Amino acid sequence: MRTRATHGMVDVMTTTLTKSRENRVIAGVCAGLAHHFGWKPRTVRLLFVLSCLLPGPQFVIYLALWIIMR
């Protein structure tokens, strides 16, 4: 969700990282990340699945984002 905040003469664009409520498959984390970065949700999901083929803490990061994101 993007909101505009005005601080004096400067117009600042703030962004909040939120889970998607409409375009969710499991928890809405990938769709929320896609919305935040301006990508398509399918692209982020595909990147996540491909990253799972590599060694690393992908599932732990997904669970942490699931908990952290509103």
PDB file of N, CA and C in Angstrom:
ATOM      1  N   MET A   1       0.842  -1.159   0.000  1.00  0.00           N
ATOM      2  CA  MET A   1       0.000   0.000   0.000  1.00  0.00           C
ATOM      3  C   MET A   1       0.891   1.227   0.000  1.00  0.00           C
ATOM      4  N   ARG A   2       0.658   2.123  -0.933  1.00  0.00           N
ATOM      5  CA  ARG A   2       1.464   3.333  -1.036  1.00  0.00           C
ATOM      6  C   ARG A   2       0.639   4.525  -0.589  1.00  0.00           C
ATOM      7  N   THR A   3       1.218   5.326   0.254  1.00  0.00           N
ATOM      8  CA  THR A   3       0.546   6.528   0.724  1.00  0.00           C
ATOM      9  C   THR A   3       1.480   7.707   0.583  1.00  0.00           C
ATOM     10  N   ARG A   4       0.896   8.870   0.446  1.00  0.00           N
ATOM     11  CA  ARG A   4       1.693  10.096   0.345  1.00  0.00           C
ATOM     12  C   ARG A   4       1.674  10.813   1.679  1.00  0.00           C
ATOM     13  N   ALA A   5       2.837  11.244   2.093  1.00  0.00           N
ATOM     14  CA  ALA A   5       2.961  12.031   3.314  1.00  0.00           C
ATOM     15  C   ALA A   5       3.690  13.319   2.973  1.00  0.00           C
ATOM     16  N   THR A   6       3.212  14.425   3.499  1.00  0.00           N
ATOM     17  CA  THR A   6       3.838  15.701   3.222  1.00  0.00           C
ATOM     18  C   THR A   6       4.565  16.178   4.476  1.00  0.00           C
ATOM     19  N   HIS A   7       5.850  16.428   4.322  1.00  0.00           N
ATOM     20  CA  HIS A   7       6.683  16.923   5.418  1.00  0.00           C
ATOM     21  C   HIS A   7       7.261  18.266   4.987  1.00  0.00           C
ATOM     22  N   GLY A   8       6.604  19.346   5.379  1.00  0.00           N
ATOM     23  CA  GLY A   8       7.071  20.667   4.986  1.00  0.00           C
ATOM     24  C   GLY A   8       6.875  20.863   3.493  1.00  0.00           C
ATOM     25  N   MET A   9       7.960  21.132   2.778  1.00  0.00           N
ATOM     26  CA  MET A   9       7.911  21.367   1.340  1.00  0.00           C
ATOM     27  C   MET A   9       8.177  20.091   0.541  1.00  0.00           C
ATOM     28  N   VAL A  10       8.482  18.979   1.214  1.00  0.00           N
ATOM     29  CA  VAL A  10       8.855  17.747   0.533  1.00  0.00           C
ATOM     30  C   VAL A  10       7.683  16.779   0.547  1.00  0.00           C
ATOM     31  N   ASP A  11       7.355  16.238  -0.619  1.00  0.00           N
ATOM     32  CA  ASP A  11       6.302  15.233  -0.743  1.00  0.00           C
ATOM     33  C   ASP A  11       6.983  13.864  -0.747  1.00  0.00           C
ATOM     34  N   VAL A  12       6.771  13.074   0.293  1.00  0.00           N
ATOM     35  CA  VAL A  12       7.457  11.807   0.468  1.00  0.00           C
ATOM     36  C   VAL A  12       6.500  10.659   0.184  1.00  0.00           C
ATOM     37  N   MET A  13       6.946   9.684  -0.611  1.00  0.00           N
ATOM     38  CA  MET A  13       6.145   8.502  -0.903  1.00  0.00           C
ATOM     39  C   MET A  13       6.597   7.397   0.038  1.00  0.00           C
ATOM     40  N   THR A  14       5.694   6.938   0.911  1.00  0.00           N
ATOM     41  CA  THR A  14       6.033   5.857   1.835  1.00  0.00           C
ATOM     42  C   THR A  14       5.358   4.579   1.364  1.00  0.00           C
ATOM     43  N   THR A  15       6.026   3.463   1.582  1.00  0.00           N
ATOM     44  CA  THR A  15       5.461   2.183   1.183  1.00  0.00           C
ATOM     45  C   THR A  15       5.420   1.253   2.380  1.00  0.00           C
ATOM     46  N   THR A  16       4.357   0.493   2.450  1.00  0.00           N
ATOM     47  CA  THR A  16       4.198  -0.484   3.502  1.00  0.00           C
ATOM     48  C   THR A  16       4.150  -1.862   2.851  1.00  0.00           C
ATOM     49  N   LEU A  17       4.902  -2.773   3.382  1.00  0.00           N
ATOM     50  CA  LEU A  17       4.935  -4.128   2.863  1.00  0.00           C
ATOM     51  C   LEU A  17       3.784  -4.908   3.485  1.00  0.00           C
ATOM     52  N   THR A  18       2.783  -5.261   2.666  1.00  0.00           N
ATOM     53  CA  THR A  18       1.607  -5.972   3.161  1.00  0.00           C
ATOM     54  C   THR A  18       1.332  -7.201   2.312  1.00  0.00           C
ATOM     55  N   LYS A  19       0.699  -8.182   2.922  1.00  0.00           N
ATOM     56  CA  LYS A  19       0.275  -9.370   2.190  1.00  0.00           C
ATOM     57  C   LYS A  19      -0.922  -9.011   1.324  1.00  0.00           C
ATOM     58  N   SER A  20      -1.046  -9.679   0.202  1.00  0.00           N
ATOM     59  CA  SER A  20      -2.175  -9.445  -0.681  1.00  0.00           C
ATOM     60  C   SER A  20      -3.394 -10.192  -0.160  1.00  0.00           C
ATOM     61  N   ARG A  21      -4.522  -9.544  -0.151  1.00  0.00           N
ATOM     62  CA  ARG A  21      -5.765 -10.179   0.286  1.00  0.00           C
ATOM     63  C   ARG A  21      -6.538 -10.755  -0.897  1.00  0.00           C
ATOM     64  N   GLU A  22      -6.364 -10.162  -2.088  1.00  0.00           N
ATOM     65  CA  GLU A  22      -7.111 -10.611  -3.259  1.00  0.00           C
ATOM     66  C   GLU A  22      -6.386 -11.681  -4.064  1.00  0.00           C
ATOM     67  N   ASN A  23      -5.087 -11.525  -4.222  1.00  0.00           N
ATOM     68  CA  ASN A  23      -4.326 -12.362  -5.150  1.00  0.00           C
ATOM     69  C   ASN A  23      -3.420 -13.325  -4.393  1.00  0.00           C
ATOM     70  N   ARG A  24      -3.968 -14.031  -3.435  1.00  0.00           N
ATOM     71  CA  ARG A  24      -3.156 -14.916  -2.615  1.00  0.00           C
ATOM     72  C   ARG A  24      -3.328 -16.369  -3.044  1.00  0.00           C
ATOM     73  N   VAL A  25      -2.242 -17.114  -2.947  1.00  0.00           N
ATOM     74  CA  VAL A  25      -2.285 -18.549  -3.217  1.00  0.00           C
ATOM     75  C   VAL A  25      -2.172 -19.294  -1.890  1.00  0.00           C
ATOM     76  N   ILE A  26      -1.144 -19.010  -1.123  1.00  0.00           N
ATOM     77  CA  ILE A  26      -1.008 -19.631   0.198  1.00  0.00           C
ATOM     78  C   ILE A  26      -1.271 -18.579   1.269  1.00  0.00           C
ATOM     79  N   ALA A  27      -0.386 -17.600   1.376  1.00  0.00           N
ATOM     80  CA  ALA A  27      -0.543 -16.579   2.416  1.00  0.00           C
ATOM     81  C   ALA A  27      -0.579 -15.168   1.861  1.00  0.00           C
ATOM     82  N   GLY A  28      -0.319 -14.990   0.581  1.00  0.00           N
ATOM     83  CA  GLY A  28      -0.309 -13.664  -0.017  1.00  0.00           C
ATOM     84  C   GLY A  28       1.039 -12.975   0.056  1.00  0.00           C
ATOM     85  N   VAL A  29       2.076 -13.688   0.483  1.00  0.00           N
ATOM     86  CA  VAL A  29       3.401 -13.085   0.632  1.00  0.00           C
ATOM     87  C   VAL A  29       3.993 -12.748  -0.732  1.00  0.00           C
ATOM     88  N   CYS A  30       3.996 -13.675  -1.664  1.00  0.00           N
ATOM     89  CA  CYS A  30       4.583 -13.420  -2.984  1.00  0.00           C
ATOM     90  C   CYS A  30       3.816 -12.318  -3.717  1.00  0.00           C
ATOM     91  N   ALA A  31       2.493 -12.327  -3.635  1.00  0.00           N
ATOM     92  CA  ALA A  31       1.694 -11.287  -4.285  1.00  0.00           C
ATOM     93  C   ALA A  31       1.931  -9.933  -3.622  1.00  0.00           C
ATOM     94  N   GLY A  32       2.108  -9.915  -2.310  1.00  0.00           N
ATOM     95  CA  GLY A  32       2.412  -8.668  -1.610  1.00  0.00           C
ATOM     96  C   GLY A  32       3.770  -8.113  -2.001  1.00  0.00           C
ATOM     97  N   LEU A  33       4.766  -8.983  -2.115  1.00  0.00           N
ATOM     98  CA  LEU A  33       6.085  -8.557  -2.569  1.00  0.00           C
ATOM     99  C   LEU A  33       6.029  -8.052  -4.006  1.00  0.00           C
ATOM    100  N   ALA A  34       5.265  -8.743  -4.850  1.00  0.00           N
ATOM    101  CA  ALA A  34       5.120  -8.321  -6.241  1.00  0.00           C
ATOM    102  C   ALA A  34       4.487  -6.932  -6.320  1.00  0.00           C
ATOM    103  N   HIS A  35       3.460  -6.698  -5.543  1.00  0.00           N
ATOM    104  CA  HIS A  35       2.808  -5.385  -5.536  1.00  0.00           C
ATOM    105  C   HIS A  35       3.765  -4.308  -5.044  1.00  0.00           C
ATOM    106  N   HIS A  36       4.551  -4.626  -4.034  1.00  0.00           N
ATOM    107  CA  HIS A  36       5.500  -3.667  -3.464  1.00  0.00           C
ATOM    108  C   HIS A  36       6.552  -3.243  -4.486  1.00  0.00           C
ATOM    109  N   PHE A  37       7.047  -4.199  -5.269  1.00  0.00           N
ATOM    110  CA  PHE A  37       8.100  -3.908  -6.240  1.00  0.00           C
ATOM    111  C   PHE A  37       7.573  -3.605  -7.641  1.00  0.00           C
ATOM    112  N   GLY A  38       6.255  -3.689  -7.839  1.00  0.00           N
ATOM    113  CA  GLY A  38       5.672  -3.379  -9.135  1.00  0.00           C
ATOM    114  C   GLY A  38       5.826  -4.505 -10.147  1.00  0.00           C
ATOM    115  N   TRP A  39       5.930  -5.730  -9.686  1.00  0.00           N
ATOM    116  CA  TRP A  39       6.066  -6.894 -10.556  1.00  0.00           C
ATOM    117  C   TRP A  39       4.746  -7.638 -10.614  1.00  0.00           C
ATOM    118  N   LYS A  40       4.703  -8.664 -11.462  1.00  0.00           N
ATOM    119  CA  LYS A  40       3.543  -9.540 -11.519  1.00  0.00           C
ATOM    120  C   LYS A  40       3.690 -10.625 -10.454  1.00  0.00           C
ATOM    121  N   PRO A  41       2.597 -10.983  -9.774  1.00  0.00           N
ATOM    122  CA  PRO A  41       2.681 -12.026  -8.739  1.00  0.00           C
ATOM    123  C   PRO A  41       3.211 -13.352  -9.274  1.00  0.00           C
ATOM    124  N   ARG A  42       2.861 -13.691 -10.490  1.00  0.00           N
ATOM    125  CA  ARG A  42       3.330 -14.953 -11.079  1.00  0.00           C
ATOM    126  C   ARG A  42       4.853 -14.975 -11.176  1.00  0.00           C
ATOM    127  N   THR A  43       5.466 -13.838 -11.488  1.00  0.00           N
ATOM    128  CA  THR A  43       6.924 -13.753 -11.594  1.00  0.00           C
ATOM    129  C   THR A  43       7.584 -14.011 -10.243  1.00  0.00           C
ATOM    130  N   VAL A  44       7.054 -13.407  -9.183  1.00  0.00           N
ATOM    131  CA  VAL A  44       7.631 -13.592  -7.851  1.00  0.00           C
ATOM    132  C   VAL A  44       7.445 -15.035  -7.398  1.00  0.00           C
ATOM    133  N   ARG A  45       6.290 -15.611  -7.668  1.00  0.00           N
ATOM    134  CA  ARG A  45       6.067 -17.020  -7.298  1.00  0.00           C
ATOM    135  C   ARG A  45       7.032 -17.935  -8.032  1.00  0.00           C
ATOM    136  N   LEU A  46       7.241 -17.686  -9.318  1.00  0.00           N
ATOM    137  CA  LEU A  46       8.163 -18.497 -10.108  1.00  0.00           C
ATOM    138  C   LEU A  46       9.593 -18.361  -9.572  1.00  0.00           C
ATOM    139  N   LEU A  47       9.997 -17.133  -9.246  1.00  0.00           N
ATOM    140  CA  LEU A  47      11.333 -16.932  -8.677  1.00  0.00           C
ATOM    141  C   LEU A  47      11.483 -17.652  -7.338  1.00  0.00           C
ATOM    142  N   PHE A  48      10.430 -17.650  -6.530  1.00  0.00           N
ATOM    143  CA  PHE A  48      10.494 -18.353  -5.244  1.00  0.00           C
ATOM    144  C   PHE A  48      10.638 -19.859  -5.453  1.00  0.00           C
ATOM    145  N   VAL A  49       9.851 -20.414  -6.361  1.00  0.00           N
ATOM    146  CA  VAL A  49       9.928 -21.861  -6.616  1.00  0.00           C
ATOM    147  C   VAL A  49      11.304 -22.223  -7.169  1.00  0.00           C
ATOM    148  N   LEU A  50      11.827 -21.423  -8.090  1.00  0.00           N
ATOM    149  CA  LEU A  50      13.155 -21.696  -8.638  1.00  0.00           C
ATOM    150  C   LEU A  50      14.240 -21.554  -7.565  1.00  0.00           C
ATOM    151  N   SER A  51      14.068 -20.602  -6.656  1.00  0.00           N
ATOM    152  CA  SER A  51      15.064 -20.439  -5.595  1.00  0.00           C
ATOM    153  C   SER A  51      15.057 -21.627  -4.632  1.00  0.00           C
ATOM    154  N   CYS A  52      13.931 -22.324  -4.550  1.00  0.00           N
ATOM    155  CA  CYS A  52      13.859 -23.493  -3.667  1.00  0.00           C
ATOM    156  C   CYS A  52      14.710 -24.648  -4.180  1.00  0.00           C
ATOM    157  N   LEU A  53      15.093 -24.591  -5.452  1.00  0.00           N
ATOM    158  CA  LEU A  53      15.981 -25.618  -6.000  1.00  0.00           C
ATOM    159  C   LEU A  53      17.418 -25.417  -5.523  1.00  0.00           C
ATOM    160  N   LEU A  54      17.729 -24.223  -5.044  1.00  0.00           N
ATOM    161  CA  LEU A  54      19.063 -23.911  -4.535  1.00  0.00           C
ATOM    162  C   LEU A  54      19.098 -24.128  -3.028  1.00  0.00           C
ATOM    163  N   PRO A  55      20.262 -24.419  -2.490  1.00  0.00           N
ATOM    164  CA  PRO A  55      20.342 -24.548  -1.026  1.00  0.00           C
ATOM    165  C   PRO A  55      20.199 -23.179  -0.368  1.00  0.00           C
ATOM    166  N   GLY A  56      19.530 -23.162   0.756  1.00  0.00           N
ATOM    167  CA  GLY A  56      19.363 -21.905   1.484  1.00  0.00           C
ATOM    168  C   GLY A  56      18.096 -21.905   2.320  1.00  0.00           C
ATOM    169  N   PRO A  57      17.886 -20.834   3.050  1.00  0.00           N
ATOM    170  CA  PRO A  57      16.762 -20.756   3.995  1.00  0.00           C
ATOM    171  C   PRO A  57      15.496 -20.130   3.390  1.00  0.00           C
ATOM    172  N   GLN A  58      15.124 -20.516   2.171  1.00  0.00           N
ATOM    173  CA  GLN A  58      13.982 -19.894   1.511  1.00  0.00           C
ATOM    174  C   GLN A  58      12.686 -20.061   2.297  1.00  0.00           C
ATOM    175  N   PHE A  59      12.435 -21.244   2.809  1.00  0.00           N
ATOM    176  CA  PHE A  59      11.184 -21.485   3.538  1.00  0.00           C
ATOM    177  C   PHE A  59      11.152 -20.723   4.862  1.00  0.00           C
ATOM    178  N   VAL A  60      12.303 -20.602   5.498  1.00  0.00           N
ATOM    179  CA  VAL A  60      12.374 -19.848   6.751  1.00  0.00           C
ATOM    180  C   VAL A  60      12.100 -18.366   6.476  1.00  0.00           C
ATOM    181  N   ILE A  61      12.661 -17.841   5.396  1.00  0.00           N
ATOM    182  CA  ILE A  61      12.419 -16.445   5.027  1.00  0.00           C
ATOM    183  C   ILE A  61      10.944 -16.232   4.692  1.00  0.00           C
ATOM    184  N   TYR A  62      10.339 -17.184   3.959  1.00  0.00           N
ATOM    185  CA  TYR A  62       8.919 -17.077   3.624  1.00  0.00           C
ATOM    186  C   TYR A  62       8.066 -17.061   4.898  1.00  0.00           C
ATOM    187  N   LEU A  63       8.361 -17.955   5.828  1.00  0.00           N
ATOM    188  CA  LEU A  63       7.618 -17.984   7.090  1.00  0.00           C
ATOM    189  C   LEU A  63       7.809 -16.693   7.883  1.00  0.00           C
ATOM    190  N   ALA A  64       9.026 -16.171   7.887  1.00  0.00           N
ATOM    191  CA  ALA A  64       9.273 -14.911   8.594  1.00  0.00           C
ATOM    192  C   ALA A  64       8.500 -13.761   7.954  1.00  0.00           C
ATOM    193  N   LEU A  65       8.475 -13.707   6.627  1.00  0.00           N
ATOM    194  CA  LEU A  65       7.697 -12.674   5.935  1.00  0.00           C
ATOM    195  C   LEU A  65       6.200 -12.844   6.205  1.00  0.00           C
ATOM    196  N   TRP A  66       5.755 -14.088   6.279  1.00  0.00           N
ATOM    197  CA  TRP A  66       4.346 -14.373   6.565  1.00  0.00           C
ATOM    198  C   TRP A  66       3.946 -13.780   7.930  1.00  0.00           C
ATOM    199  N   ILE A  67       4.864 -13.904   8.890  1.00  0.00           N
ATOM    200  CA  ILE A  67       4.602 -13.394  10.230  1.00  0.00           C
ATOM    201  C   ILE A  67       4.748 -11.866  10.286  1.00  0.00           C
ATOM    202  N   ILE A  68       5.772 -11.340   9.634  1.00  0.00           N
ATOM    203  CA  ILE A  68       6.091  -9.909   9.716  1.00  0.00           C
ATOM    204  C   ILE A  68       5.101  -9.044   8.931  1.00  0.00           C
ATOM    205  N   MET A  69       4.753  -9.480   7.724  1.00  0.00           N
ATOM    206  CA  MET A  69       3.880  -8.664   6.861  1.00  0.00           C
ATOM    207  C   MET A  69       2.476  -8.619   7.445  1.00  0.00           C
ATOM    208  N   ARG A  70       1.840  -7.456   7.368  1.00  0.00           N
ATOM    209  CA  ARG A  70       0.479  -7.299   7.879  1.00  0.00           C
ATOM    210  C   ARG A  70      -0.535  -7.774   6.890  1.00  0.00           C
TER     211      ARG A  70
END
